[in-house]
Amino acid sequence: MSQQTPVARVIPAWHEWLQRWPTPNDLASASPAEVLRAWDRMGYPRRALRLLECAQIIRDEWAGEVPRERADLLSLPGIGPYTADAILAFAYQRRSVVLDTNIRRVLARWHGAALPPPSPRKFELARADAFVPADDEHAAEWNAAIMEFGALVCTAKSPTCDTCPVNKMCGWFQAGHPEDEFAQTRTTQKWEGTNRQARGAIMGVLRSAPEALLVRELHAQSKLGEHRFDRAMVSLLEDGLITEESGRISLPH
């Protein structure tokens, strides 16, 4: 849920989700429409369907228990290296390298850079791996501690460098806070006018609709121009996020 979505928006949905589906087996019995409605406005709703597929495989192939080995986790829908490593560290207290945004930033500054590259690079993983303790318990603690340190102290925009307990060992602080070398290559994701926005408008209408809608009804309620509506509809159908039956559109059953 917190991939590409701020934690503040995730927490309420996460609590409601776990109350409704506390185990993979509970979630596995839900319908795609139920899951997409519960996902609400968190964005990138394909994640919700991958989570449902993941729960079904865990129920059918893993007796309802989330796997404990990295390779097995990576075989599940929607689980990539970061999520697999986070599960190992925080669910099972196993050694892994959880290379999240905060940890990447802390390590970049430790080595003298203002911020890490726009997207993760191999050298960052090798660098982090050298810092993570060898034993499981301390490795899990390290991941949690550095992640929290980056969220509260070594923040992206307003780091509290003067009171930071490790500023004497921080390469960026000692170098006088040099500028971000990747500043020109960083881009902010747009929302207004994007296909993501159009898709979200259509999904919002369908989540609140008591029954399937005719295409013209959905078009009118989405308040989108014809070109944007058609483009978004095609991509939603391709992704399996909506279905069409007899000219009516609904969330997948």
C-alpha atoms as a PDB file:
ATOM      1  CA  MET A   1       0.000   0.000   0.000  1.00  0.00           C
ATOM      2  CA  SER A   2       2.817   2.420   0.820  1.00  0.00           C
ATOM      3  CA  GLN A   3       4.547   1.945  -2.521  1.00  0.00           C
ATOM      4  CA  GLN A   4       4.116   5.298  -4.293  1.00  0.00           C
ATOM      5  CA  THR A   5       1.484   6.406  -1.755  1.00  0.00           C
ATOM      6  CA  PRO A   6       2.195   8.574   1.331  1.00  0.00           C
ATOM      7  CA  VAL A   7       1.990   6.671   4.606  1.00  0.00           C
ATOM      8  CA  ALA A   8      -0.483   9.197   6.051  1.00  0.00           C
ATOM      9  CA  ARG A   9      -2.993   8.167   3.376  1.00  0.00           C
ATOM     10  CA  VAL A  10      -2.228   4.488   3.794  1.00  0.00           C
ATOM     11  CA  ILE A  11      -2.692   4.096   7.554  1.00  0.00           C
ATOM     12  CA  PRO A  12      -6.511   4.475   7.729  1.00  0.00           C
ATOM     13  CA  ALA A  13      -7.015   2.161   4.752  1.00  0.00           C
ATOM     14  CA  TRP A  14      -4.527  -0.337   6.211  1.00  0.00           C
ATOM     15  CA  HIS A  15      -6.392  -0.510   9.534  1.00  0.00           C
ATOM     16  CA  GLU A  16      -9.742  -0.997   7.798  1.00  0.00           C
ATOM     17  CA  TRP A  17      -8.216  -3.593   5.461  1.00  0.00           C
ATOM     18  CA  LEU A  18      -6.792  -5.697   8.300  1.00  0.00           C
ATOM     19  CA  GLN A  19     -10.040  -5.536  10.238  1.00  0.00           C
ATOM     20  CA  ARG A  20     -11.872  -6.873   7.202  1.00  0.00           C
ATOM     21  CA  TRP A  21      -9.224  -9.335   5.967  1.00  0.00           C
ATOM     22  CA  PRO A  22      -6.792 -10.103   8.819  1.00  0.00           C
ATOM     23  CA  THR A  23      -5.137 -13.087   7.074  1.00  0.00           C
ATOM     24  CA  PRO A  24      -4.223 -14.058   3.500  1.00  0.00           C
ATOM     25  CA  ASN A  25      -6.962 -16.709   3.605  1.00  0.00           C
ATOM     26  CA  ASP A  26      -9.566 -14.076   4.461  1.00  0.00           C
ATOM     27  CA  LEU A  27      -8.461 -11.828   1.620  1.00  0.00           C
ATOM     28  CA  ALA A  28      -8.252 -14.726  -0.843  1.00  0.00           C
ATOM     29  CA  SER A  29     -12.024 -15.233  -0.661  1.00  0.00           C
ATOM     30  CA  ALA A  30     -12.816 -11.605  -1.552  1.00  0.00           C
ATOM     31  CA  SER A  31     -13.950 -10.552  -5.007  1.00  0.00           C
ATOM     32  CA  PRO A  32     -11.915  -8.152  -7.152  1.00  0.00           C
ATOM     33  CA  ALA A  33     -14.716  -5.586  -6.851  1.00  0.00           C
ATOM     34  CA  GLU A  34     -14.639  -5.762  -3.038  1.00  0.00           C
ATOM     35  CA  VAL A  35     -10.887  -5.327  -3.006  1.00  0.00           C
ATOM     36  CA  LEU A  36     -10.942  -2.381  -5.420  1.00  0.00           C
ATOM     37  CA  ARG A  37     -13.633  -0.623  -3.387  1.00  0.00           C
ATOM     38  CA  ALA A  38     -11.652  -1.137  -0.187  1.00  0.00           C
ATOM     39  CA  TRP A  39      -8.529   0.193  -1.936  1.00  0.00           C
ATOM     40  CA  ASP A  40     -10.520   3.376  -2.503  1.00  0.00           C
ATOM     41  CA  ARG A  41      -8.413   6.345  -3.670  1.00  0.00           C
ATOM     42  CA  MET A  42      -4.907   5.163  -2.843  1.00  0.00           C
ATOM     43  CA  GLY A  43      -3.976   5.072  -6.512  1.00  0.00           C
ATOM     44  CA  TYR A  44      -2.311   2.480  -8.721  1.00  0.00           C
ATOM     45  CA  PRO A  45      -5.204   0.026  -8.135  1.00  0.00           C
ATOM     46  CA  ARG A  46      -3.391  -2.766  -9.945  1.00  0.00           C
ATOM     47  CA  ARG A  47      -1.588  -3.185  -6.637  1.00  0.00           C
ATOM     48  CA  ALA A  48      -4.899  -4.208  -5.065  1.00  0.00           C
ATOM     49  CA  LEU A  49      -5.465  -6.944  -7.644  1.00  0.00           C
ATOM     50  CA  ARG A  50      -1.889  -8.201  -7.265  1.00  0.00           C
ATOM     51  CA  LEU A  51      -2.420  -8.341  -3.506  1.00  0.00           C
ATOM     52  CA  LEU A  52      -5.565 -10.399  -4.036  1.00  0.00           C
ATOM     53  CA  GLU A  53      -3.748 -12.772  -6.407  1.00  0.00           C
ATOM     54  CA  CYS A  54      -0.904 -13.004  -3.919  1.00  0.00           C
ATOM     55  CA  ALA A  55      -3.304 -13.973  -1.108  1.00  0.00           C
ATOM     56  CA  GLN A  56      -4.919 -16.642  -3.284  1.00  0.00           C
ATOM     57  CA  ILE A  57      -1.561 -18.229  -4.086  1.00  0.00           C
ATOM     58  CA  ILE A  58      -0.530 -18.112  -0.421  1.00  0.00           C
ATOM     59  CA  ARG A  59      -3.795 -19.861   0.456  1.00  0.00           C
ATOM     60  CA  ASP A  60      -3.534 -22.482  -2.283  1.00  0.00           C
ATOM     61  CA  GLU A  61       0.205 -23.187  -2.310  1.00  0.00           C
ATOM     62  CA  TRP A  62       1.519 -22.085   1.083  1.00  0.00           C
ATOM     63  CA  ALA A  63      -1.252 -23.220   3.442  1.00  0.00           C
ATOM     64  CA  GLY A  64      -2.127 -19.614   4.212  1.00  0.00           C
ATOM     65  CA  GLU A  65       1.317 -18.631   5.530  1.00  0.00           C
ATOM     66  CA  VAL A  66       3.455 -15.977   3.870  1.00  0.00           C
ATOM     67  CA  PRO A  67       6.715 -17.623   2.701  1.00  0.00           C
ATOM     68  CA  ARG A  68       9.896 -17.047   4.696  1.00  0.00           C
ATOM     69  CA  GLU A  69      12.461 -17.342   1.902  1.00  0.00           C
ATOM     70  CA  ARG A  70      13.329 -14.479  -0.446  1.00  0.00           C
ATOM     71  CA  ALA A  71      13.096 -16.535  -3.640  1.00  0.00           C
ATOM     72  CA  ASP A  72       9.650 -17.784  -2.656  1.00  0.00           C
ATOM     73  CA  LEU A  73       8.474 -14.264  -1.862  1.00  0.00           C
ATOM     74  CA  LEU A  74       9.731 -12.996  -5.217  1.00  0.00           C
ATOM     75  CA  SER A  75       7.659 -15.664  -6.970  1.00  0.00           C
ATOM     76  CA  LEU A  76       4.430 -14.080  -5.693  1.00  0.00           C
ATOM     77  CA  PRO A  77       2.442 -11.525  -7.737  1.00  0.00           C
ATOM     78  CA  GLY A  78       3.259  -7.917  -6.944  1.00  0.00           C
ATOM     79  CA  ILE A  79       6.231  -8.678  -4.700  1.00  0.00           C
ATOM     80  CA  GLY A  80       9.538  -7.276  -5.894  1.00  0.00           C
ATOM     81  CA  PRO A  81      12.939  -7.045  -4.185  1.00  0.00           C
ATOM     82  CA  TYR A  82      12.028  -4.172  -1.859  1.00  0.00           C
ATOM     83  CA  THR A  83       8.811  -5.771  -0.593  1.00  0.00           C
ATOM     84  CA  ALA A  84      10.443  -9.169  -0.206  1.00  0.00           C
ATOM     85  CA  ASP A  85      13.288  -7.672   1.823  1.00  0.00           C
ATOM     86  CA  ALA A  86      10.855  -5.665   3.963  1.00  0.00           C
ATOM     87  CA  ILE A  87       8.854  -8.811   4.756  1.00  0.00           C
ATOM     88  CA  LEU A  88      11.997 -10.693   5.718  1.00  0.00           C
ATOM     89  CA  ALA A  89      13.209  -7.885   7.977  1.00  0.00           C
ATOM     90  CA  PHE A  90      10.019  -6.704   9.645  1.00  0.00           C
ATOM     91  CA  ALA A  91       7.762  -9.759   9.615  1.00  0.00           C
ATOM     92  CA  TYR A  92      10.342 -12.495  10.176  1.00  0.00           C
ATOM     93  CA  GLN A  93      13.321 -10.639  11.700  1.00  0.00           C
ATOM     94  CA  ARG A  94      15.619 -12.036   9.015  1.00  0.00           C
ATOM     95  CA  ARG A  95      18.703 -10.381   7.560  1.00  0.00           C
ATOM     96  CA  SER A  96      17.958  -8.419   4.405  1.00  0.00           C
ATOM     97  CA  VAL A  97      18.727  -5.052   2.839  1.00  0.00           C
ATOM     98  CA  VAL A  98      15.598  -2.888   2.823  1.00  0.00           C
ATOM     99  CA  LEU A  99      16.636  -0.154   0.419  1.00  0.00           C
ATOM    100  CA  ASP A 100      13.787   2.298   0.923  1.00  0.00           C
ATOM    101  CA  THR A 101      13.862   6.047   0.177  1.00  0.00           C
ATOM    102  CA  ASN A 102      14.918   7.006   3.700  1.00  0.00           C
ATOM    103  CA  ILE A 103      17.765   4.504   3.918  1.00  0.00           C
ATOM    104  CA  ARG A 104      19.010   5.479   0.460  1.00  0.00           C
ATOM    105  CA  ARG A 105      19.079   9.155   1.514  1.00  0.00           C
ATOM    106  CA  VAL A 106      20.865   8.521   4.824  1.00  0.00           C
ATOM    107  CA  LEU A 107      23.584   6.468   3.139  1.00  0.00           C
ATOM    108  CA  ALA A 108      23.964   8.983   0.310  1.00  0.00           C
ATOM    109  CA  ARG A 109      24.568  11.788   2.805  1.00  0.00           C
ATOM    110  CA  TRP A 110      26.899   9.637   4.877  1.00  0.00           C
ATOM    111  CA  HIS A 111      29.021   9.368   1.741  1.00  0.00           C
ATOM    112  CA  GLY A 112      28.881  13.079   0.926  1.00  0.00           C
ATOM    113  CA  ALA A 113      25.927  13.453  -1.472  1.00  0.00           C
ATOM    114  CA  ALA A 114      22.869  15.618  -0.865  1.00  0.00           C
ATOM    115  CA  LEU A 115      20.467  12.976  -2.150  1.00  0.00           C
ATOM    116  CA  PRO A 116      20.665   9.555  -3.808  1.00  0.00           C
ATOM    117  CA  PRO A 117      20.207   9.119  -7.575  1.00  0.00           C
ATOM    118  CA  PRO A 118      16.622   9.509  -8.868  1.00  0.00           C
ATOM    119  CA  SER A 119      16.284   5.726  -9.177  1.00  0.00           C
ATOM    120  CA  PRO A 120      18.117   2.990  -7.219  1.00  0.00           C
ATOM    121  CA  ARG A 121      21.455   1.807  -8.592  1.00  0.00           C
ATOM    122  CA  LYS A 122      23.443  -1.359  -8.006  1.00  0.00           C
ATOM    123  CA  PHE A 123      26.178   0.383  -6.056  1.00  0.00           C
ATOM    124  CA  GLU A 124      23.589   1.554  -3.506  1.00  0.00           C
ATOM    125  CA  LEU A 125      22.561  -2.011  -2.741  1.00  0.00           C
ATOM    126  CA  ALA A 126      26.174  -3.118  -2.340  1.00  0.00           C
ATOM    127  CA  ARG A 127      26.887  -0.111  -0.131  1.00  0.00           C
ATOM    128  CA  ALA A 128      23.890  -0.764   2.094  1.00  0.00           C
ATOM    129  CA  ASP A 129      24.685  -4.468   2.320  1.00  0.00           C
ATOM    130  CA  ALA A 130      28.094  -3.588   3.753  1.00  0.00           C
ATOM    131  CA  PHE A 131      26.417  -1.646   6.575  1.00  0.00           C
ATOM    132  CA  VAL A 132      23.704  -4.151   7.535  1.00  0.00           C
ATOM    133  CA  PRO A 133      24.802  -6.329  10.497  1.00  0.00           C
ATOM    134  CA  ALA A 134      25.463  -9.974   9.725  1.00  0.00           C
ATOM    135  CA  ASP A 135      23.058 -11.502  12.247  1.00  0.00           C
ATOM    136  CA  ASP A 136      19.302 -11.554  11.753  1.00  0.00           C
ATOM    137  CA  GLU A 137      18.190  -9.686  14.885  1.00  0.00           C
ATOM    138  CA  HIS A 138      20.567  -6.741  14.560  1.00  0.00           C
ATOM    139  CA  ALA A 139      20.050  -6.567  10.803  1.00  0.00           C
ATOM    140  CA  ALA A 140      16.297  -6.155  11.263  1.00  0.00           C
ATOM    141  CA  GLU A 141      16.915  -3.517  13.946  1.00  0.00           C
ATOM    142  CA  TRP A 142      19.350  -1.665  11.662  1.00  0.00           C
ATOM    143  CA  ASN A 143      16.847  -1.496   8.810  1.00  0.00           C
ATOM    144  CA  ALA A 144      14.120  -0.178  11.101  1.00  0.00           C
ATOM    145  CA  ALA A 145      16.433   2.288  12.840  1.00  0.00           C
ATOM    146  CA  ILE A 146      17.942   3.841   9.702  1.00  0.00           C
ATOM    147  CA  MET A 147      14.534   4.027   8.051  1.00  0.00           C
ATOM    148  CA  GLU A 148      13.174   5.895  11.095  1.00  0.00           C
ATOM    149  CA  PHE A 149      16.281   8.081  11.290  1.00  0.00           C
ATOM    150  CA  GLY A 150      15.730   9.155   7.691  1.00  0.00           C
ATOM    151  CA  ALA A 151      12.061   9.865   8.328  1.00  0.00           C
ATOM    152  CA  LEU A 152      12.591  11.959  11.476  1.00  0.00           C
ATOM    153  CA  VAL A 153      16.131  13.421  11.407  1.00  0.00           C
ATOM    154  CA  CYS A 154      17.816  13.075   8.013  1.00  0.00           C
ATOM    155  CA  THR A 155      14.742  14.223   6.109  1.00  0.00           C
ATOM    156  CA  ALA A 156      14.685  15.154   2.443  1.00  0.00           C
ATOM    157  CA  LYS A 157      13.895  18.870   2.760  1.00  0.00           C
ATOM    158  CA  SER A 158      14.621  19.945   6.341  1.00  0.00           C
ATOM    159  CA  PRO A 159      17.228  17.685   7.946  1.00  0.00           C
ATOM    160  CA  THR A 160      18.155  18.614  11.518  1.00  0.00           C
ATOM    161  CA  CYS A 161      21.873  18.461  10.833  1.00  0.00           C
ATOM    162  CA  ASP A 162      23.008  20.728  13.681  1.00  0.00           C
ATOM    163  CA  THR A 163      21.547  18.420  16.326  1.00  0.00           C
ATOM    164  CA  CYS A 164      22.130  15.161  14.447  1.00  0.00           C
ATOM    165  CA  PRO A 165      23.992  12.684  16.692  1.00  0.00           C
ATOM    166  CA  VAL A 166      26.245  11.521  13.842  1.00  0.00           C
ATOM    167  CA  ASN A 167      26.961  14.808  12.052  1.00  0.00           C
ATOM    168  CA  LYS A 168      30.698  14.570  12.806  1.00  0.00           C
ATOM    169  CA  MET A 169      30.824  11.400  10.694  1.00  0.00           C
ATOM    170  CA  CYS A 170      28.448  12.562   7.953  1.00  0.00           C
ATOM    171  CA  GLY A 171      30.250  13.298   4.701  1.00  0.00           C
ATOM    172  CA  TRP A 172      27.561  15.694   3.454  1.00  0.00           C
ATOM    173  CA  PHE A 173      27.530  17.740   6.678  1.00  0.00           C
ATOM    174  CA  GLN A 174      31.305  17.868   6.905  1.00  0.00           C
ATOM    175  CA  ALA A 175      31.542  18.967   3.256  1.00  0.00           C
ATOM    176  CA  GLY A 176      29.254  21.934   3.930  1.00  0.00           C
ATOM    177  CA  HIS A 177      26.056  20.581   2.374  1.00  0.00           C
ATOM    178  CA  PRO A 178      27.035  20.477  -1.329  1.00  0.00           C
ATOM    179  CA  GLU A 179      24.201  20.816  -3.842  1.00  0.00           C
ATOM    180  CA  ASP A 180      22.267  17.863  -5.221  1.00  0.00           C
ATOM    181  CA  GLU A 181      24.201  16.651  -8.268  1.00  0.00           C
ATOM    182  CA  PHE A 182      21.070  15.043  -9.711  1.00  0.00           C
ATOM    183  CA  ALA A 183      18.824  18.096  -9.304  1.00  0.00           C
ATOM    184  CA  GLN A 184      18.461  18.667 -13.050  1.00  0.00           C
ATOM    185  CA  THR A 185      17.383  15.092 -13.710  1.00  0.00           C
ATOM    186  CA  ARG A 186      14.715  14.840 -11.009  1.00  0.00           C
ATOM    187  CA  THR A 187      11.141  15.161 -12.188  1.00  0.00           C
ATOM    188  CA  THR A 188       7.923  15.559 -10.228  1.00  0.00           C
ATOM    189  CA  GLN A 189       5.085  13.319 -11.297  1.00  0.00           C
ATOM    190  CA  LYS A 190       2.243  15.315 -12.773  1.00  0.00           C
ATOM    191  CA  TRP A 191      -1.388  14.544 -12.032  1.00  0.00           C
ATOM    192  CA  GLU A 192      -3.561  17.098 -13.774  1.00  0.00           C
ATOM    193  CA  GLY A 193      -4.334  16.035 -17.304  1.00  0.00           C
ATOM    194  CA  THR A 194      -2.665  12.629 -17.051  1.00  0.00           C
ATOM    195  CA  ASN A 195      -4.097   9.266 -17.966  1.00  0.00           C
ATOM    196  CA  ARG A 196      -3.737   8.299 -14.301  1.00  0.00           C
ATOM    197  CA  GLN A 197      -6.108  11.105 -13.370  1.00  0.00           C
ATOM    198  CA  ALA A 198      -8.627   9.989 -16.013  1.00  0.00           C
ATOM    199  CA  ARG A 199      -8.401   6.376 -14.862  1.00  0.00           C
ATOM    200  CA  GLY A 200      -8.936   7.501 -11.286  1.00  0.00           C
ATOM    201  CA  ALA A 201     -12.051   9.445 -12.258  1.00  0.00           C
ATOM    202  CA  ILE A 202     -13.578   6.388 -13.949  1.00  0.00           C
ATOM    203  CA  MET A 203     -12.664   4.082 -11.065  1.00  0.00           C
ATOM    204  CA  GLY A 204     -14.149   6.567  -8.600  1.00  0.00           C
ATOM    205  CA  VAL A 205     -17.490   6.514 -10.413  1.00  0.00           C
ATOM    206  CA  LEU A 206     -17.572   2.715 -10.571  1.00  0.00           C
ATOM    207  CA  ARG A 207     -16.611   2.255  -6.899  1.00  0.00           C
ATOM    208  CA  SER A 208     -19.669   4.227  -5.849  1.00  0.00           C
ATOM    209  CA  ALA A 209     -22.055   2.885  -8.503  1.00  0.00           C
ATOM    210  CA  PRO A 210     -24.662   0.409  -7.134  1.00  0.00           C
ATOM    211  CA  GLU A 211     -24.764  -1.418 -10.480  1.00  0.00           C
ATOM    212  CA  ALA A 212     -23.070  -1.598 -13.852  1.00  0.00           C
ATOM    213  CA  LEU A 213     -23.292   1.544 -15.968  1.00  0.00           C
ATOM    214  CA  LEU A 214     -23.824   2.080 -19.652  1.00  0.00           C
ATOM    215  CA  VAL A 215     -20.738   3.492 -21.337  1.00  0.00           C
ATOM    216  CA  ARG A 216     -22.493   6.806 -21.987  1.00  0.00           C
ATOM    217  CA  GLU A 217     -23.543   7.013 -18.322  1.00  0.00           C
ATOM    218  CA  LEU A 218     -20.022   6.346 -17.142  1.00  0.00           C
ATOM    219  CA  HIS A 219     -18.657   8.895 -19.607  1.00  0.00           C
ATOM    220  CA  ALA A 220     -21.047  11.569 -18.379  1.00  0.00           C
ATOM    221  CA  GLN A 221     -20.389  10.901 -14.700  1.00  0.00           C
ATOM    222  CA  SER A 222     -16.619  10.844 -15.159  1.00  0.00           C
ATOM    223  CA  LYS A 223     -16.735  14.400 -16.588  1.00  0.00           C
ATOM    224  CA  LEU A 224     -13.882  13.566 -18.956  1.00  0.00           C
ATOM    225  CA  GLY A 225     -13.421  14.633 -22.546  1.00  0.00           C
ATOM    226  CA  GLU A 226     -14.084  11.946 -25.141  1.00  0.00           C
ATOM    227  CA  HIS A 227     -10.434  11.312 -26.033  1.00  0.00           C
ATOM    228  CA  ARG A 228      -9.266  11.066 -22.422  1.00  0.00           C
ATOM    229  CA  PHE A 229     -12.225   8.856 -21.499  1.00  0.00           C
ATOM    230  CA  ASP A 230     -11.639   6.450 -24.387  1.00  0.00           C
ATOM    231  CA  ARG A 231      -7.913   6.205 -23.699  1.00  0.00           C
ATOM    232  CA  ALA A 232      -8.430   5.557 -19.999  1.00  0.00           C
ATOM    233  CA  MET A 233     -11.139   2.962 -20.691  1.00  0.00           C
ATOM    234  CA  VAL A 234      -8.854   0.979 -22.987  1.00  0.00           C
ATOM    235  CA  SER A 235      -6.058   0.854 -20.412  1.00  0.00           C
ATOM    236  CA  LEU A 236      -8.415  -0.070 -17.551  1.00  0.00           C
ATOM    237  CA  LEU A 237      -9.870  -2.930 -19.573  1.00  0.00           C
ATOM    238  CA  GLU A 238      -6.385  -4.141 -20.504  1.00  0.00           C
ATOM    239  CA  ASP A 239      -5.344  -4.099 -16.844  1.00  0.00           C
ATOM    240  CA  GLY A 240      -8.419  -6.049 -15.752  1.00  0.00           C
ATOM    241  CA  LEU A 241      -9.579  -3.220 -13.475  1.00  0.00           C
ATOM    242  CA  ILE A 242     -12.990  -2.966 -15.164  1.00  0.00           C
ATOM    243  CA  THR A 243     -15.166  -5.342 -17.162  1.00  0.00           C
ATOM    244  CA  GLU A 244     -17.659  -4.827 -19.976  1.00  0.00           C
ATOM    245  CA  GLU A 245     -20.725  -6.997 -20.422  1.00  0.00           C
ATOM    246  CA  SER A 246     -23.510  -6.227 -22.874  1.00  0.00           C
ATOM    247  CA  GLY A 247     -22.430  -2.628 -23.166  1.00  0.00           C
ATOM    248  CA  ARG A 248     -22.308  -2.058 -19.406  1.00  0.00           C
ATOM    249  CA  ILE A 249     -19.184  -1.322 -17.405  1.00  0.00           C
ATOM    250  CA  SER A 250     -18.480  -2.451 -13.835  1.00  0.00           C
ATOM    251  CA  LEU A 251     -15.671  -3.404 -11.509  1.00  0.00           C
ATOM    252  CA  PRO A 252     -14.514  -7.003 -12.081  1.00  0.00           C
ATOM    253  CA  HIS A 253     -16.612  -9.631 -10.345  1.00  0.00           C
END
